[in-house]
Amino acid sequence: MTGRLARNERGQWTSKFNDAGVRMVEARAKGSLEEWLRNVDREKELMLVYWEEMDPCLLFWSTFYLTEFEDGGLAIGLNGTHLLADPTSATMFLKAWADTSFPGKLLQPPFFYPLPLRRPGNKKPDHKPYTSLINHYKDSIKKSMQLPANKSHTTVAFAFSDSMVRAYVAMAQLIGASNRSKPSPFEALAGLFWFCISKVKGIGNELINMSICMDVRTVLGLDKGFFGNCMVYNKAHQEGFQRNNLSEAVSSIGEVVAKMDGEGIMDLIE
């Protein structure tokens, strides 16, 4: 957490440790954290994070922001990129930090161990690596990591009730398909957003390219407490898309997710 990511002479990622520690900003707030949470909104919530634009060199953590409430409570905020840690690992780190402050011990310590590599005897003799996932990462590495200048972003939150999600799942199911092929809620909602954004972009009868990111701890048989980056990205693309056919978009996402299985991910790791 206090080191830097760097590339060695072979171009591989490595951790470069240092004794500089992490950058911190300390602040104080009136009242208690409990009172703050009763009336919190997005604007107030952002006040607990030292927000700064991501540096083009995305190899180290942003500043940690510690807010101590006068009547009790401590808020720890940070921002960073998926290259450094996935949201699950970042949350576990903050929770472990909070546990050591109160009640003074780790209640659920993160698990630190390397990813389980596939044993040679468990690999199928005729196994062909899933090159699509590997090539997607190779292309990403070749591209520049420079962020677009003067480009503002907006965050929007959507709330879907259980009945709405069930309706979207039914709407996204292919005509004549069995219940076993029914899309998952993730596939249905992701397909809905993909479908709507593509229509807004107005690129004809095609869907825009979309990246899908998934936490693969369960796929790899890892405990949810595993501390490490387990977010895997893949690209969804659909050519010859029929306008107003939501089920095609959802089906394409389902195919991409199905390919992000244990074998494909291990191919990527190895």
Protein backbone atom coordinates (compact mmCIF):
# COMPACT_ATOMS: atom_id res chain seq x y z
CA MET A 1 0.00 0.00 0.00
CA THR A 2 2.94 2.37 0.61
CA GLY A 3 4.96 1.33 -2.42
CA ARG A 4 4.75 2.09 -6.10
CA LEU A 5 3.96 -0.03 -9.12
CA ALA A 6 6.78 -0.13 -11.65
CA ARG A 7 7.89 -2.23 -14.60
CA ASN A 8 11.08 -4.28 -14.51
CA GLU A 9 13.53 -4.74 -17.37
CA ARG A 10 11.24 -7.39 -18.92
CA GLY A 11 8.24 -5.08 -18.86
CA GLN A 12 6.48 -6.96 -16.05
CA TRP A 13 4.72 -5.28 -13.16
CA THR A 14 6.59 -5.25 -9.86
CA SER A 15 6.20 -3.53 -6.48
CA LYS A 16 8.81 -0.90 -5.66
CA PHE A 17 8.71 -0.38 -1.91
CA ASN A 18 9.80 2.81 -0.21
CA ASP A 19 9.88 4.36 3.24
CA ALA A 20 7.90 7.47 2.31
CA GLY A 21 4.59 5.97 3.44
CA VAL A 22 1.28 7.26 2.14
CA ARG A 23 0.14 10.84 1.70
CA MET A 24 -2.47 11.93 4.24
CA VAL A 25 -4.64 14.93 5.00
CA GLU A 26 -6.23 15.21 8.45
CA ALA A 27 -9.41 17.15 9.10
CA ARG A 28 -11.85 17.69 11.96
CA ALA A 29 -15.64 17.91 11.85
CA LYS A 30 -18.24 18.95 14.40
CA GLY A 31 -20.72 16.46 15.82
CA SER A 32 -20.45 12.70 15.55
CA LEU A 33 -20.11 10.36 12.62
CA GLU A 34 -23.46 8.80 13.54
CA GLU A 35 -25.21 12.19 13.27
CA TRP A 36 -23.45 12.86 9.98
CA LEU A 37 -24.71 9.60 8.46
CA ARG A 38 -28.32 10.39 9.42
CA ASN A 39 -28.39 13.43 7.12
CA VAL A 40 -25.75 12.59 4.55
CA ASP A 41 -26.17 13.27 0.83
CA ARG A 42 -23.78 12.99 -2.08
CA GLU A 43 -22.39 16.51 -1.63
CA LYS A 44 -21.64 15.93 2.05
CA GLU A 45 -20.26 12.45 1.37
CA LEU A 46 -17.71 13.82 -1.08
CA MET A 47 -16.44 16.12 1.65
CA LEU A 48 -15.00 13.03 3.39
CA VAL A 49 -12.76 12.21 0.42
CA TYR A 50 -9.73 14.18 -0.73
CA TRP A 51 -10.82 14.31 -4.36
CA GLU A 52 -8.18 14.97 -6.95
CA GLU A 53 -7.97 14.21 -10.64
CA MET A 54 -6.15 10.98 -11.46
CA ASP A 55 -2.53 11.68 -12.34
CA PRO A 56 -1.43 10.43 -15.80
CA CYS A 57 1.05 8.25 -13.90
CA LEU A 58 -1.46 5.85 -12.32
CA LEU A 59 1.08 3.92 -10.27
CA PHE A 60 0.47 5.12 -6.73
CA TRP A 61 -2.38 5.79 -4.36
CA SER A 62 -4.07 9.13 -4.10
CA THR A 63 -4.08 11.04 -0.83
CA PHE A 64 -5.81 9.43 2.18
CA TYR A 65 -8.28 11.78 3.87
CA LEU A 66 -8.86 11.27 7.60
CA THR A 67 -11.78 13.12 9.18
CA GLU A 68 -12.05 12.96 12.97
CA PHE A 69 -15.45 13.89 14.40
CA GLU A 70 -15.33 15.87 17.66
CA ASP A 71 -18.11 13.82 19.30
CA GLY A 72 -16.81 10.46 18.14
CA GLY A 73 -16.09 8.72 14.88
CA LEU A 74 -13.42 8.60 12.21
CA ALA A 75 -13.94 8.65 8.44
CA ILE A 76 -11.27 7.35 6.08
CA GLY A 77 -11.51 8.31 2.42
CA LEU A 78 -9.37 7.50 -0.60
CA ASN A 79 -9.57 7.33 -4.34
CA GLY A 80 -7.50 5.29 -6.75
CA THR A 81 -7.58 3.27 -9.93
CA HIS A 82 -8.52 -0.36 -10.58
CA LEU A 83 -4.88 -0.91 -11.55
CA LEU A 84 -3.93 -0.64 -7.87
CA ALA A 85 -6.80 -2.47 -6.21
CA ASP A 86 -10.38 -3.46 -6.88
CA PRO A 87 -13.23 -1.99 -4.80
CA THR A 88 -13.46 -5.13 -2.64
CA SER A 89 -9.78 -4.96 -1.64
CA ALA A 90 -9.96 -1.22 -1.02
CA THR A 91 -13.03 -1.71 1.20
CA MET A 92 -11.32 -4.52 3.14
CA PHE A 93 -8.28 -2.30 3.67
CA LEU A 94 -10.40 0.54 5.06
CA LYS A 95 -12.39 -1.84 7.27
CA ALA A 96 -9.19 -3.39 8.65
CA TRP A 97 -7.87 0.10 9.37
CA ALA A 98 -11.10 1.01 11.17
CA ASP A 99 -11.10 -2.26 13.16
CA THR A 100 -7.61 -1.58 14.49
CA SER A 101 -8.82 1.81 15.74
CA PHE A 102 -12.09 0.55 17.21
CA PRO A 103 -12.49 -1.96 18.82
CA GLY A 104 -8.73 -2.36 18.54
CA LYS A 105 -8.41 -5.67 16.69
CA LEU A 106 -9.11 -7.09 13.27
CA LEU A 107 -12.52 -8.75 13.38
CA GLN A 108 -12.25 -10.21 9.86
CA PRO A 109 -8.64 -9.99 8.68
CA PRO A 110 -8.08 -10.09 4.90
CA PHE A 111 -6.50 -13.22 3.43
CA PHE A 112 -3.04 -12.67 1.97
CA TYR A 113 -1.92 -15.50 -0.30
CA PRO A 114 -0.99 -15.84 -3.98
CA LEU A 115 -3.50 -16.80 -6.61
CA PRO A 116 -3.74 -20.58 -7.02
CA LEU A 117 -1.96 -21.50 -10.22
CA ARG A 118 -3.31 -24.31 -12.33
CA ARG A 119 -1.42 -27.58 -11.81
CA PRO A 120 0.06 -29.12 -14.99
CA GLY A 121 -1.86 -32.35 -14.37
CA ASN A 122 -5.19 -30.48 -14.27
CA LYS A 123 -4.68 -28.86 -17.65
CA LYS A 124 -6.43 -30.53 -20.55
CA PRO A 125 -4.00 -31.88 -23.18
CA ASP A 126 -5.99 -30.34 -26.04
CA HIS A 127 -6.78 -27.11 -24.20
CA LYS A 128 -6.62 -23.99 -26.36
CA PRO A 129 -6.09 -20.69 -24.51
CA TYR A 130 -8.96 -18.23 -24.59
CA THR A 131 -7.11 -15.68 -26.72
CA SER A 132 -9.92 -13.11 -26.84
CA LEU A 133 -9.46 -12.16 -23.19
CA ILE A 134 -5.66 -12.20 -23.53
CA ASN A 135 -5.71 -10.05 -26.67
CA HIS A 136 -8.07 -7.56 -25.00
CA TYR A 137 -5.47 -6.96 -22.28
CA LYS A 138 -2.59 -6.81 -24.77
CA ASP A 139 -4.40 -4.08 -26.71
CA SER A 140 -5.08 -2.17 -23.49
CA ILE A 141 -1.39 -2.28 -22.52
CA LYS A 142 -0.32 -0.90 -25.90
CA LYS A 143 -2.67 2.06 -25.63
CA SER A 144 -1.58 5.22 -23.86
CA MET A 145 -2.70 5.69 -20.27
CA GLN A 146 -2.97 9.45 -20.72
CA LEU A 147 -6.36 10.77 -19.63
CA PRO A 148 -8.27 13.20 -21.86
CA ALA A 149 -7.70 16.78 -20.81
CA ASN A 150 -10.51 19.13 -19.79
CA LYS A 151 -13.10 16.38 -19.90
CA SER A 152 -15.70 16.45 -17.16
CA HIS A 153 -17.59 13.40 -15.92
CA THR A 154 -20.90 13.07 -14.17
CA THR A 155 -21.93 10.33 -11.76
CA VAL A 156 -25.53 9.17 -11.82
CA ALA A 157 -27.15 6.60 -9.53
CA PHE A 158 -30.17 4.52 -10.56
CA ALA A 159 -32.45 2.58 -8.22
CA PHE A 160 -34.35 -0.43 -9.56
CA SER A 161 -37.07 -2.14 -7.55
CA ASP A 162 -37.36 -5.93 -7.50
CA SER A 163 -40.42 -5.81 -9.77
CA MET A 164 -38.58 -3.61 -12.29
CA VAL A 165 -35.60 -5.97 -12.41
CA ARG A 166 -37.89 -8.97 -12.94
CA ALA A 167 -39.65 -7.12 -15.75
CA TYR A 168 -36.34 -6.30 -17.48
CA VAL A 169 -35.19 -9.92 -17.17
CA ALA A 170 -38.42 -11.11 -18.81
CA MET A 171 -38.19 -8.43 -21.50
CA ALA A 172 -34.57 -9.34 -22.30
CA GLN A 173 -35.19 -13.07 -22.70
CA LEU A 174 -34.98 -14.34 -26.25
CA ILE A 175 -38.30 -15.40 -27.79
CA GLY A 176 -38.78 -19.14 -27.52
CA ALA A 177 -35.88 -19.57 -25.08
CA SER A 178 -36.31 -21.84 -22.07
CA ASN A 179 -36.24 -20.62 -18.48
CA ARG A 180 -32.77 -22.14 -18.11
CA SER A 181 -31.43 -19.61 -20.61
CA LYS A 182 -33.02 -16.70 -18.77
CA PRO A 183 -30.48 -13.85 -18.38
CA SER A 184 -29.19 -12.88 -14.98
CA PRO A 185 -30.20 -9.51 -13.45
CA PHE A 186 -26.67 -8.22 -14.18
CA GLU A 187 -26.90 -9.21 -17.85
CA ALA A 188 -30.38 -7.71 -18.21
CA LEU A 189 -29.50 -4.36 -16.61
CA ALA A 190 -26.10 -4.12 -18.33
CA GLY A 191 -27.80 -4.87 -21.65
CA LEU A 192 -30.40 -2.19 -20.97
CA PHE A 193 -27.74 0.48 -20.31
CA TRP A 194 -25.70 -0.66 -23.32
CA PHE A 195 -28.79 -0.56 -25.53
CA CYS A 196 -29.92 2.91 -24.36
CA ILE A 197 -26.46 4.53 -24.50
CA SER A 198 -25.92 3.18 -28.03
CA LYS A 199 -29.23 4.74 -29.14
CA VAL A 200 -28.23 8.08 -27.61
CA LYS A 201 -24.87 7.91 -29.40
CA GLY A 202 -26.81 7.39 -32.65
CA ILE A 203 -24.37 5.12 -34.46
CA GLY A 204 -26.97 3.36 -36.61
CA ASN A 205 -27.71 -0.33 -36.23
CA GLU A 206 -24.64 -1.11 -34.12
CA LEU A 207 -23.92 -1.08 -30.44
CA ILE A 208 -20.95 0.86 -29.14
CA ASN A 209 -18.03 -1.16 -27.76
CA MET A 210 -18.44 -1.71 -24.05
CA SER A 211 -16.09 -2.98 -21.35
CA ILE A 212 -17.43 -5.44 -18.79
CA CYS A 213 -15.71 -5.69 -15.42
CA MET A 214 -16.37 -8.59 -13.04
CA ASP A 215 -15.12 -9.66 -9.63
CA VAL A 216 -13.86 -13.21 -10.26
CA ARG A 217 -13.20 -14.34 -6.69
CA THR A 218 -16.11 -16.78 -6.84
CA VAL A 219 -15.12 -18.00 -10.32
CA LEU A 220 -11.58 -18.82 -9.11
CA GLY A 221 -12.86 -20.43 -5.91
CA LEU A 222 -11.33 -17.72 -3.71
CA ASP A 223 -12.67 -16.55 -0.38
CA LYS A 224 -14.47 -13.20 -0.47
CA GLY A 225 -11.83 -11.97 1.98
CA PHE A 226 -9.00 -12.52 -0.53
CA PHE A 227 -6.91 -9.34 -0.66
CA GLY A 228 -5.81 -8.71 -4.21
CA ASN A 229 -7.02 -7.36 -7.51
CA CYS A 230 -9.62 -9.80 -8.83
CA MET A 231 -11.40 -7.55 -11.30
CA VAL A 232 -11.21 -8.86 -14.87
CA TYR A 233 -12.21 -6.81 -17.90
CA ASN A 234 -13.51 -7.97 -21.26
CA LYS A 235 -15.03 -6.24 -24.27
CA ALA A 236 -18.57 -6.72 -25.52
CA HIS A 237 -19.20 -5.98 -29.17
CA GLN A 238 -22.22 -6.65 -31.38
CA GLU A 239 -22.27 -6.25 -35.14
CA GLY A 240 -25.36 -6.37 -37.33
CA PHE A 241 -27.54 -5.31 -34.43
CA GLN A 242 -31.26 -5.11 -35.09
CA ARG A 243 -32.71 -1.82 -33.90
CA ASN A 244 -34.97 -2.01 -30.83
CA ASN A 245 -33.90 -5.60 -30.10
CA LEU A 246 -32.86 -5.49 -26.45
CA SER A 247 -32.58 -9.27 -26.17
CA GLU A 248 -29.67 -9.33 -28.65
CA ALA A 249 -27.66 -6.92 -26.52
CA VAL A 250 -28.37 -8.93 -23.37
CA SER A 251 -27.49 -12.18 -25.15
CA SER A 252 -24.12 -10.75 -26.25
CA ILE A 253 -23.29 -9.77 -22.69
CA GLY A 254 -24.24 -13.25 -21.49
CA GLU A 255 -21.83 -14.78 -24.04
CA VAL A 256 -18.97 -12.54 -22.90
CA VAL A 257 -19.62 -13.30 -19.22
CA ALA A 258 -19.74 -17.04 -19.94
CA LYS A 259 -16.28 -16.87 -21.54
CA MET A 260 -14.88 -15.24 -18.38
CA ASP A 261 -14.76 -18.62 -16.66
CA GLY A 262 -12.03 -20.24 -14.59
CA GLU A 263 -10.18 -21.64 -17.61
CA GLY A 264 -10.18 -18.34 -19.49
CA ILE A 265 -9.06 -16.33 -16.47
CA MET A 266 -6.28 -18.79 -15.64
CA ASP A 267 -5.12 -18.53 -19.27
CA LEU A 268 -4.91 -14.78 -18.77
CA ILE A 269 -3.00 -15.09 -15.47
CA GLU A 270 -0.53 -17.65 -16.75
